Amino acid sequence: WNAAKRALEGGYRNVAWFPEGVDGWSDAGLPLAPAQP
């Protein structure tokens, strides 16, 4: 929520917030992949 708000305040005009995140994605049986920062 904070990061999406920060992106909006940075001037980005097409920001979507996905509150269920990785948990909701995994619960729906959708694929995950290892991530690196």
PDB file of all heavy atoms in Angstrom:
ATOM      1  N   TRP A   1       0.843  -1.202   0.000  1.00  0.00           N
ATOM      2  CA  TRP A   1       0.000   0.000   0.000  1.00  0.00           C
ATOM      3  C   TRP A   1       0.880   1.254   0.000  1.00  0.00           C
ATOM      4  O   TRP A   1       0.677   2.176  -0.794  1.00  0.00           O
ATOM      5  CB  TRP A   1      -0.918  -0.017   1.227  1.00  0.00           C
ATOM      6  CG  TRP A   1      -2.021   1.007   1.176  1.00  0.00           C
ATOM      7  CD1 TRP A   1      -3.279   0.848   0.684  1.00  0.00           C
ATOM      8  CD2 TRP A   1      -1.942   2.364   1.643  1.00  0.00           C
ATOM      9  NE1 TRP A   1      -4.008   2.016   0.817  1.00  0.00           N
ATOM     10  CE2 TRP A   1      -3.203   2.965   1.414  1.00  0.00           C
ATOM     11  CE3 TRP A   1      -0.943   3.123   2.242  1.00  0.00           C
ATOM     12  CZ2 TRP A   1      -3.483   4.288   1.743  1.00  0.00           C
ATOM     13  CZ3 TRP A   1      -1.215   4.459   2.575  1.00  0.00           C
ATOM     14  CH2 TRP A   1      -2.474   5.020   2.326  1.00  0.00           C
ATOM     15  N   ASN A   2       1.876   1.281   0.878  1.00  0.00           N
ATOM     16  CA  ASN A   2       2.790   2.422   0.939  1.00  0.00           C
ATOM     17  C   ASN A   2       3.514   2.632  -0.386  1.00  0.00           C
ATOM     18  O   ASN A   2       3.639   3.761  -0.879  1.00  0.00           O
ATOM     19  CB  ASN A   2       3.839   2.199   2.034  1.00  0.00           C
ATOM     20  CG  ASN A   2       3.338   2.537   3.430  1.00  0.00           C
ATOM     21  OD1 ASN A   2       2.278   3.130   3.610  1.00  0.00           O
ATOM     22  ND2 ASN A   2       4.103   2.147   4.435  1.00  0.00           N
ATOM     23  N   ALA A   3       4.028   1.532  -0.954  1.00  0.00           N
ATOM     24  CA  ALA A   3       4.806   1.651  -2.196  1.00  0.00           C
ATOM     25  C   ALA A   3       3.941   2.123  -3.353  1.00  0.00           C
ATOM     26  O   ALA A   3       4.381   2.930  -4.189  1.00  0.00           O
ATOM     27  CB  ALA A   3       5.471   0.317  -2.525  1.00  0.00           C
ATOM     28  N   ALA A   4       2.705   1.622  -3.426  1.00  0.00           N
ATOM     29  CA  ALA A   4       1.813   2.071  -4.500  1.00  0.00           C
ATOM     30  C   ALA A   4       1.484   3.553  -4.332  1.00  0.00           C
ATOM     31  O   ALA A   4       1.448   4.312  -5.309  1.00  0.00           O
ATOM     32  CB  ALA A   4       0.545   1.226  -4.508  1.00  0.00           C
ATOM     33  N   LYS A   5       1.251   3.960  -3.104  1.00  0.00           N
ATOM     34  CA  LYS A   5       0.991   5.387  -2.837  1.00  0.00           C
ATOM     35  C   LYS A   5       2.206   6.226  -3.215  1.00  0.00           C
ATOM     36  O   LYS A   5       2.088   7.307  -3.804  1.00  0.00           O
ATOM     37  CB  LYS A   5       0.651   5.577  -1.350  1.00  0.00           C
ATOM     38  CG  LYS A   5       0.337   7.016  -0.948  1.00  0.00           C
ATOM     39  CD  LYS A   5      -0.021   7.076   0.529  1.00  0.00           C
ATOM     40  CE  LYS A   5      -0.279   8.508   0.986  1.00  0.00           C
ATOM     41  NZ  LYS A   5      -1.502   9.075   0.385  1.00  0.00           N
ATOM     42  N   ARG A   6       3.387   5.713  -2.892  1.00  0.00           N
ATOM     43  CA  ARG A   6       4.628   6.436  -3.206  1.00  0.00           C
ATOM     44  C   ARG A   6       4.817   6.557  -4.720  1.00  0.00           C
ATOM     45  O   ARG A   6       5.289   7.587  -5.223  1.00  0.00           O
ATOM     46  CB  ARG A   6       5.801   5.706  -2.546  1.00  0.00           C
ATOM     47  CG  ARG A   6       7.124   6.418  -2.610  1.00  0.00           C
ATOM     48  CD  ARG A   6       8.126   5.801  -1.650  1.00  0.00           C
ATOM     49  NE  ARG A   6       7.913   6.262  -0.281  1.00  0.00           N
ATOM     50  CZ  ARG A   6       7.706   5.460   0.756  1.00  0.00           C
ATOM     51  NH1 ARG A   6       7.704   4.143   0.598  1.00  0.00           N
ATOM     52  NH2 ARG A   6       7.511   5.969   1.954  1.00  0.00           N
ATOM     53  N   ALA A   7       4.464   5.500  -5.465  1.00  0.00           N
ATOM     54  CA  ALA A   7       4.555   5.559  -6.931  1.00  0.00           C
ATOM     55  C   ALA A   7       3.610   6.616  -7.488  1.00  0.00           C
ATOM     56  O   ALA A   7       3.966   7.377  -8.399  1.00  0.00           O
ATOM     57  CB  ALA A   7       4.242   4.190  -7.528  1.00  0.00           C
ATOM     58  N   LEU A   8       2.399   6.683  -6.941  1.00  0.00           N
ATOM     59  CA  LEU A   8       1.448   7.711  -7.378  1.00  0.00           C
ATOM     60  C   LEU A   8       2.002   9.105  -7.114  1.00  0.00           C
ATOM     61  O   LEU A   8       1.922   9.990  -7.973  1.00  0.00           O
ATOM     62  CB  LEU A   8       0.125   7.538  -6.642  1.00  0.00           C
ATOM     63  CG  LEU A   8      -0.747   6.344  -7.057  1.00  0.00           C
ATOM     64  CD1 LEU A   8      -1.831   6.105  -6.017  1.00  0.00           C
ATOM     65  CD2 LEU A   8      -1.361   6.582  -8.434  1.00  0.00           C
ATOM     66  N   GLU A   9       2.565   9.291  -5.927  1.00  0.00           N
ATOM     67  CA  GLU A   9       3.100  10.600  -5.588  1.00  0.00           C
ATOM     68  C   GLU A   9       4.367  10.919  -6.384  1.00  0.00           C
ATOM     69  O   GLU A   9       4.747  12.081  -6.508  1.00  0.00           O
ATOM     70  CB  GLU A   9       3.363  10.677  -4.087  1.00  0.00           C
ATOM     71  CG  GLU A   9       2.059  10.631  -3.286  1.00  0.00           C
ATOM     72  CD  GLU A   9       2.253  10.798  -1.796  1.00  0.00           C
ATOM     73  OE1 GLU A   9       3.418  10.786  -1.335  1.00  0.00           O
ATOM     74  OE2 GLU A   9       1.239  10.929  -1.096  1.00  0.00           O
ATOM     75  N   GLY A  10       4.985   9.871  -6.965  1.00  0.00           N
ATOM     76  CA  GLY A  10       6.136  10.078  -7.844  1.00  0.00           C
ATOM     77  C   GLY A  10       5.732  10.418  -9.266  1.00  0.00           C
ATOM     78  O   GLY A  10       6.603  10.587 -10.128  1.00  0.00           O
ATOM     79  N   GLY A  11       4.432  10.515  -9.522  1.00  0.00           N
ATOM     80  CA  GLY A  11       3.969  10.950 -10.850  1.00  0.00           C
ATOM     81  C   GLY A  11       3.478   9.836 -11.746  1.00  0.00           C
ATOM     82  O   GLY A  11       3.053  10.101 -12.877  1.00  0.00           O
ATOM     83  N   TYR A  12       3.491   8.588 -11.281  1.00  0.00           N
ATOM     84  CA  TYR A  12       2.999   7.482 -12.110  1.00  0.00           C
ATOM     85  C   TYR A  12       1.472   7.493 -12.100  1.00  0.00           C
ATOM     86  O   TYR A  12       0.838   7.627 -11.055  1.00  0.00           O
ATOM     87  CB  TYR A  12       3.568   6.153 -11.623  1.00  0.00           C
ATOM     88  CG  TYR A  12       5.033   6.037 -11.931  1.00  0.00           C
ATOM     89  CD1 TYR A  12       5.989   6.499 -11.025  1.00  0.00           C
ATOM     90  CD2 TYR A  12       5.473   5.545 -13.157  1.00  0.00           C
ATOM     91  CE1 TYR A  12       7.341   6.456 -11.325  1.00  0.00           C
ATOM     92  CE2 TYR A  12       6.821   5.488 -13.466  1.00  0.00           C
ATOM     93  CZ  TYR A  12       7.750   5.948 -12.544  1.00  0.00           C
ATOM     94  OH  TYR A  12       9.098   5.917 -12.846  1.00  0.00           O
ATOM     95  N   ARG A  13       0.900   7.374 -13.298  1.00  0.00           N
ATOM     96  CA  ARG A  13      -0.543   7.610 -13.460  1.00  0.00           C
ATOM     97  C   ARG A  13      -1.365   6.352 -13.640  1.00  0.00           C
ATOM     98  O   ARG A  13      -2.593   6.426 -13.694  1.00  0.00           O
ATOM     99  CB  ARG A  13      -0.756   8.522 -14.678  1.00  0.00           C
ATOM    100  CG  ARG A  13      -0.084   9.873 -14.550  1.00  0.00           C
ATOM    101  CD  ARG A  13      -0.164  10.649 -15.842  1.00  0.00           C
ATOM    102  NE  ARG A  13       0.593  11.904 -15.766  1.00  0.00           N
ATOM    103  CZ  ARG A  13       1.110  12.513 -16.812  1.00  0.00           C
ATOM    104  NH1 ARG A  13       0.964  12.004 -18.015  1.00  0.00           N
ATOM    105  NH2 ARG A  13       1.779  13.643 -16.654  1.00  0.00           N
ATOM    106  N   ASN A  14      -0.705   5.223 -13.766  1.00  0.00           N
ATOM    107  CA  ASN A  14      -1.443   3.974 -14.026  1.00  0.00           C
ATOM    108  C   ASN A  14      -0.977   2.907 -13.034  1.00  0.00           C
ATOM    109  O   ASN A  14      -0.423   1.886 -13.410  1.00  0.00           O
ATOM    110  CB  ASN A  14      -1.206   3.535 -15.476  1.00  0.00           C
ATOM    111  CG  ASN A  14      -2.233   2.543 -15.953  1.00  0.00           C
ATOM    112  OD1 ASN A  14      -3.083   2.078 -15.185  1.00  0.00           O
ATOM    113  ND2 ASN A  14      -2.159   2.176 -17.219  1.00  0.00           N
ATOM    114  N   VAL A  15      -1.240   3.178 -11.756  1.00  0.00           N
ATOM    115  CA  VAL A  15      -0.771   2.307 -10.679  1.00  0.00           C
ATOM    116  C   VAL A  15      -1.925   1.421 -10.209  1.00  0.00           C
ATOM    117  O   VAL A  15      -3.033   1.903  -9.949  1.00  0.00           O
ATOM    118  CB  VAL A  15      -0.240   3.137  -9.495  1.00  0.00           C
ATOM    119  CG1 VAL A  15       0.135   2.232  -8.322  1.00  0.00           C
ATOM    120  CG2 VAL A  15       0.955   3.974  -9.942  1.00  0.00           C
ATOM    121  N   ALA A  16      -1.652   0.140 -10.110  1.00  0.00           N
ATOM    122  CA  ALA A  16      -2.620  -0.806  -9.547  1.00  0.00           C
ATOM    123  C   ALA A  16      -2.008  -1.420  -8.298  1.00  0.00           C
ATOM    124  O   ALA A  16      -0.823  -1.748  -8.263  1.00  0.00           O
ATOM    125  CB  ALA A  16      -2.973  -1.888 -10.558  1.00  0.00           C
ATOM    126  N   TRP A  17      -2.827  -1.573  -7.283  1.00  0.00           N
ATOM    127  CA  TRP A  17      -2.401  -2.196  -6.032  1.00  0.00           C
ATOM    128  C   TRP A  17      -3.058  -3.565  -5.944  1.00  0.00           C
ATOM    129  O   TRP A  17      -4.271  -3.698  -6.108  1.00  0.00           O
ATOM    130  CB  TRP A  17      -2.806  -1.319  -4.852  1.00  0.00           C
ATOM    131  CG  TRP A  17      -2.582  -1.930  -3.504  1.00  0.00           C
ATOM    132  CD1 TRP A  17      -1.475  -2.591  -3.072  1.00  0.00           C
ATOM    133  CD2 TRP A  17      -3.503  -1.927  -2.398  1.00  0.00           C
ATOM    134  NE1 TRP A  17      -1.632  -3.007  -1.775  1.00  0.00           N
ATOM    135  CE2 TRP A  17      -2.871  -2.612  -1.334  1.00  0.00           C
ATOM    136  CE3 TRP A  17      -4.778  -1.417  -2.207  1.00  0.00           C
ATOM    137  CZ2 TRP A  17      -3.487  -2.803  -0.100  1.00  0.00           C
ATOM    138  CZ3 TRP A  17      -5.389  -1.590  -0.986  1.00  0.00           C
ATOM    139  CH2 TRP A  17      -4.751  -2.274   0.059  1.00  0.00           C
ATOM    140  N   PHE A  18      -2.246  -4.600  -5.710  1.00  0.00           N
ATOM    141  CA  PHE A  18      -2.724  -5.980  -5.615  1.00  0.00           C
ATOM    142  C   PHE A  18      -2.568  -6.431  -4.167  1.00  0.00           C
ATOM    143  O   PHE A  18      -1.544  -6.993  -3.789  1.00  0.00           O
ATOM    144  CB  PHE A  18      -1.923  -6.854  -6.587  1.00  0.00           C
ATOM    145  CG  PHE A  18      -2.231  -8.321  -6.527  1.00  0.00           C
ATOM    146  CD1 PHE A  18      -3.494  -8.800  -6.209  1.00  0.00           C
ATOM    147  CD2 PHE A  18      -1.235  -9.251  -6.828  1.00  0.00           C
ATOM    148  CE1 PHE A  18      -3.765 -10.157  -6.157  1.00  0.00           C
ATOM    149  CE2 PHE A  18      -1.494 -10.613  -6.799  1.00  0.00           C
ATOM    150  CZ  PHE A  18      -2.761 -11.059  -6.449  1.00  0.00           C
ATOM    151  N   PRO A  19      -3.573  -6.182  -3.305  1.00  0.00           N
ATOM    152  CA  PRO A  19      -3.395  -6.429  -1.872  1.00  0.00           C
ATOM    153  C   PRO A  19      -3.253  -7.891  -1.476  1.00  0.00           C
ATOM    154  O   PRO A  19      -2.661  -8.187  -0.434  1.00  0.00           O
ATOM    155  CB  PRO A  19      -4.652  -5.808  -1.248  1.00  0.00           C
ATOM    156  CG  PRO A  19      -5.644  -5.714  -2.360  1.00  0.00           C
ATOM    157  CD  PRO A  19      -4.857  -5.542  -3.612  1.00  0.00           C
ATOM    158  N   GLU A  20      -3.787  -8.814  -2.271  1.00  0.00           N
ATOM    159  CA  GLU A  20      -3.651 -10.233  -1.915  1.00  0.00           C
ATOM    160  C   GLU A  20      -2.224 -10.733  -2.154  1.00  0.00           C
ATOM    161  O   GLU A  20      -1.791 -11.712  -1.545  1.00  0.00           O
ATOM    162  CB  GLU A  20      -4.635 -11.073  -2.731  1.00  0.00           C
ATOM    163  CG  GLU A  20      -6.072 -10.924  -2.288  1.00  0.00           C
ATOM    164  CD  GLU A  20      -6.278 -11.434  -0.873  1.00  0.00           C
ATOM    165  OE1 GLU A  20      -6.065 -12.629  -0.644  1.00  0.00           O
ATOM    166  OE2 GLU A  20      -6.648 -10.632  -0.004  1.00  0.00           O
ATOM    167  N   GLY A  21      -1.507 -10.090  -3.049  1.00  0.00           N
ATOM    168  CA  GLY A  21      -0.097 -10.376  -3.276  1.00  0.00           C
ATOM    169  C   GLY A  21       0.235 -11.835  -3.544  1.00  0.00           C
ATOM    170  O   GLY A  21      -0.571 -12.592  -4.093  1.00  0.00           O
ATOM    171  N   VAL A  22       1.428 -12.209  -3.141  1.00  0.00           N
ATOM    172  CA  VAL A  22       1.923 -13.561  -3.395  1.00  0.00           C
ATOM    173  C   VAL A  22       1.037 -14.621  -2.726  1.00  0.00           C
ATOM    174  O   VAL A  22       0.859 -15.715  -3.268  1.00  0.00           O
ATOM    175  CB  VAL A  22       3.384 -13.688  -2.905  1.00  0.00           C
ATOM    176  CG1 VAL A  22       3.864 -15.124  -2.979  1.00  0.00           C
ATOM    177  CG2 VAL A  22       4.301 -12.811  -3.752  1.00  0.00           C
ATOM    178  N   ASP A  23       0.457 -14.293  -1.585  1.00  0.00           N
ATOM    179  CA  ASP A  23      -0.391 -15.262  -0.889  1.00  0.00           C
ATOM    180  C   ASP A  23      -1.635 -15.596  -1.717  1.00  0.00           C
ATOM    181  O   ASP A  23      -1.981 -16.769  -1.909  1.00  0.00           O
ATOM    182  CB  ASP A  23      -0.806 -14.716   0.478  1.00  0.00           C
ATOM    183  CG  ASP A  23       0.377 -14.521   1.399  1.00  0.00           C
ATOM    184  OD1 ASP A  23       1.307 -15.337   1.361  1.00  0.00           O
ATOM    185  OD2 ASP A  23       0.378 -13.538   2.159  1.00  0.00           O
ATOM    186  N   GLY A  24      -2.313 -14.567  -2.189  1.00  0.00           N
ATOM    187  CA  GLY A  24      -3.492 -14.807  -3.007  1.00  0.00           C
ATOM    188  C   GLY A  24      -3.152 -15.499  -4.308  1.00  0.00           C
ATOM    189  O   GLY A  24      -3.907 -16.368  -4.785  1.00  0.00           O
ATOM    190  N   TRP A  25      -2.018 -15.130  -4.877  1.00  0.00           N
ATOM    191  CA  TRP A  25      -1.549 -15.738  -6.122  1.00  0.00           C
ATOM    192  C   TRP A  25      -1.314 -17.236  -5.926  1.00  0.00           C
ATOM    193  O   TRP A  25      -1.773 -18.067  -6.717  1.00  0.00           O
ATOM    194  CB  TRP A  25      -0.267 -15.035  -6.547  1.00  0.00           C
ATOM    195  CG  TRP A  25       0.216 -15.332  -7.925  1.00  0.00           C
ATOM    196  CD1 TRP A  25       1.082 -16.327  -8.302  1.00  0.00           C
ATOM    197  CD2 TRP A  25      -0.106 -14.623  -9.122  1.00  0.00           C
ATOM    198  NE1 TRP A  25       1.321 -16.275  -9.645  1.00  0.00           N
ATOM    199  CE2 TRP A  25       0.605 -15.241 -10.186  1.00  0.00           C
ATOM    200  CE3 TRP A  25      -0.914 -13.525  -9.399  1.00  0.00           C
ATOM    201  CZ2 TRP A  25       0.522 -14.784 -11.506  1.00  0.00           C
ATOM    202  CZ3 TRP A  25      -1.000 -13.073 -10.713  1.00  0.00           C
ATOM    203  CH2 TRP A  25      -0.292 -13.695 -11.745  1.00  0.00           C
ATOM    204  N   SER A  26      -0.609 -17.581  -4.858  1.00  0.00           N
ATOM    205  CA  SER A  26      -0.314 -18.985  -4.575  1.00  0.00           C
ATOM    206  C   SER A  26      -1.586 -19.766  -4.254  1.00  0.00           C
ATOM    207  O   SER A  26      -1.765 -20.902  -4.707  1.00  0.00           O
ATOM    208  CB  SER A  26       0.673 -19.074  -3.410  1.00  0.00           C
ATOM    209  OG  SER A  26       0.927 -20.404  -3.057  1.00  0.00           O
ATOM    210  N   ASP A  27      -2.488 -19.163  -3.478  1.00  0.00           N
ATOM    211  CA  ASP A  27      -3.735 -19.831  -3.117  1.00  0.00           C
ATOM    212  C   ASP A  27      -4.578 -20.159  -4.349  1.00  0.00           C
ATOM    213  O   ASP A  27      -5.350 -21.129  -4.340  1.00  0.00           O
ATOM    214  CB  ASP A  27      -4.553 -18.966  -2.159  1.00  0.00           C
ATOM    215  CG  ASP A  27      -3.940 -18.884  -0.768  1.00  0.00           C
ATOM    216  OD1 ASP A  27      -3.009 -19.664  -0.490  1.00  0.00           O
ATOM    217  OD2 ASP A  27      -4.390 -18.031   0.022  1.00  0.00           O
ATOM    218  N   ALA A  28      -4.441 -19.356  -5.394  1.00  0.00           N
ATOM    219  CA  ALA A  28      -5.196 -19.581  -6.621  1.00  0.00           C
ATOM    220  C   ALA A  28      -4.529 -20.616  -7.530  1.00  0.00           C
ATOM    221  O   ALA A  28      -5.029 -20.890  -8.623  1.00  0.00           O
ATOM    222  CB  ALA A  28      -5.366 -18.265  -7.380  1.00  0.00           C
ATOM    223  N   GLY A  29      -3.399 -21.169  -7.087  1.00  0.00           N
ATOM    224  CA  GLY A  29      -2.715 -22.183  -7.882  1.00  0.00           C
ATOM    225  C   GLY A  29      -1.910 -21.617  -9.034  1.00  0.00           C
ATOM    226  O   GLY A  29      -1.538 -22.357  -9.958  1.00  0.00           O
ATOM    227  N   LEU A  30      -1.614 -20.320  -8.980  1.00  0.00           N
ATOM    228  CA  LEU A  30      -0.840 -19.683 -10.050  1.00  0.00           C
ATOM    229  C   LEU A  30       0.652 -19.888  -9.798  1.00  0.00           C
ATOM    230  O   LEU A  30       1.086 -20.081  -8.657  1.00  0.00           O
ATOM    231  CB  LEU A  30      -1.187 -18.194 -10.117  1.00  0.00           C
ATOM    232  CG  LEU A  30      -2.633 -17.919 -10.547  1.00  0.00           C
ATOM    233  CD1 LEU A  30      -3.047 -16.498 -10.194  1.00  0.00           C
ATOM    234  CD2 LEU A  30      -2.795 -18.160 -12.048  1.00  0.00           C
ATOM    235  N   PRO A  31       1.455 -19.838 -10.859  1.00  0.00           N
ATOM    236  CA  PRO A  31       2.882 -20.187 -10.700  1.00  0.00           C
ATOM    237  C   PRO A  31       3.675 -19.113  -9.956  1.00  0.00           C
ATOM    238  O   PRO A  31       3.358 -17.926 -10.010  1.00  0.00           O
ATOM    239  CB  PRO A  31       3.366 -20.302 -12.147  1.00  0.00           C
ATOM    240  CG  PRO A  31       2.452 -19.431 -12.937  1.00  0.00           C
ATOM    241  CD  PRO A  31       1.110 -19.549 -12.269  1.00  0.00           C
ATOM    242  N   LEU A  32       4.719 -19.565  -9.297  1.00  0.00           N
ATOM    243  CA  LEU A  32       5.675 -18.684  -8.641  1.00  0.00           C
ATOM    244  C   LEU A  32       7.067 -19.038  -9.167  1.00  0.00           C
ATOM    245  O   LEU A  32       7.300 -20.136  -9.666  1.00  0.00           O
ATOM    246  CB  LEU A  32       5.646 -18.849  -7.133  1.00  0.00           C
ATOM    247  CG  LEU A  32       4.352 -18.408  -6.422  1.00  0.00           C
ATOM    248  CD1 LEU A  32       4.361 -18.877  -4.967  1.00  0.00           C
ATOM    249  CD2 LEU A  32       4.183 -16.905  -6.495  1.00  0.00           C
ATOM    250  N   ALA A  33       7.984 -18.098  -9.031  1.00  0.00           N
ATOM    251  CA  ALA A  33       9.350 -18.320  -9.501  1.00  0.00           C
ATOM    252  C   ALA A  33      10.321 -17.657  -8.531  1.00  0.00           C
ATOM    253  O   ALA A  33       9.978 -16.642  -7.921  1.00  0.00           O
ATOM    254  CB  ALA A  33       9.524 -17.751 -10.905  1.00  0.00           C
ATOM    255  N   PRO A  34      11.530 -18.214  -8.383  1.00  0.00           N
ATOM    256  CA  PRO A  34      12.516 -17.576  -7.500  1.00  0.00           C
ATOM    257  C   PRO A  34      12.812 -16.152  -7.971  1.00  0.00           C
ATOM    258  O   PRO A  34      12.932 -15.890  -9.181  1.00  0.00           O
ATOM    259  CB  PRO A  34      13.741 -18.484  -7.637  1.00  0.00           C
ATOM    260  CG  PRO A  34      13.214 -19.780  -8.104  1.00  0.00           C
ATOM    261  CD  PRO A  34      12.031 -19.474  -8.976  1.00  0.00           C
ATOM    262  N   ALA A  35      12.912 -15.234  -7.021  1.00  0.00           N
ATOM    263  CA  ALA A  35      13.181 -13.838  -7.345  1.00  0.00           C
ATOM    264  C   ALA A  35      14.483 -13.393  -6.702  1.00  0.00           C
ATOM    265  O   ALA A  35      14.863 -13.884  -5.636  1.00  0.00           O
ATOM    266  CB  ALA A  35      12.037 -12.960  -6.862  1.00  0.00           C
ATOM    267  N   GLN A  36      15.146 -12.472  -7.368  1.00  0.00           N
ATOM    268  CA  GLN A  36      16.351 -11.843  -6.832  1.00  0.00           C
ATOM    269  C   GLN A  36      16.117 -10.342  -6.782  1.00  0.00           C
ATOM    270  O   GLN A  36      15.513  -9.770  -7.679  1.00  0.00           O
ATOM    271  CB  GLN A  36      17.566 -12.144  -7.722  1.00  0.00           C
ATOM    272  CG  GLN A  36      17.973 -13.605  -7.743  1.00  0.00           C
ATOM    273  CD  GLN A  36      18.445 -14.095  -6.392  1.00  0.00           C
ATOM    274  OE1 GLN A  36      19.052 -13.351  -5.622  1.00  0.00           O
ATOM    275  NE2 GLN A  36      18.148 -15.358  -6.084  1.00  0.00           N
ATOM    276  N   PRO A  37      16.572  -9.682  -5.708  1.00  0.00           N
ATOM    277  CA  PRO A  37      16.360  -8.225  -5.639  1.00  0.00           C
ATOM    278  C   PRO A  37      17.108  -7.496  -6.741  1.00  0.00           C
ATOM    279  O   PRO A  37      18.200  -7.922  -7.144  1.00  0.00           O
ATOM    280  CB  PRO A  37      16.893  -7.847  -4.269  1.00  0.00           C
ATOM    281  CG  PRO A  37      17.505  -9.058  -3.683  1.00  0.00           C
ATOM    282  CD  PRO A  37      17.281 -10.214  -4.574  1.00  0.00           C
TER     283      PRO A  37
END
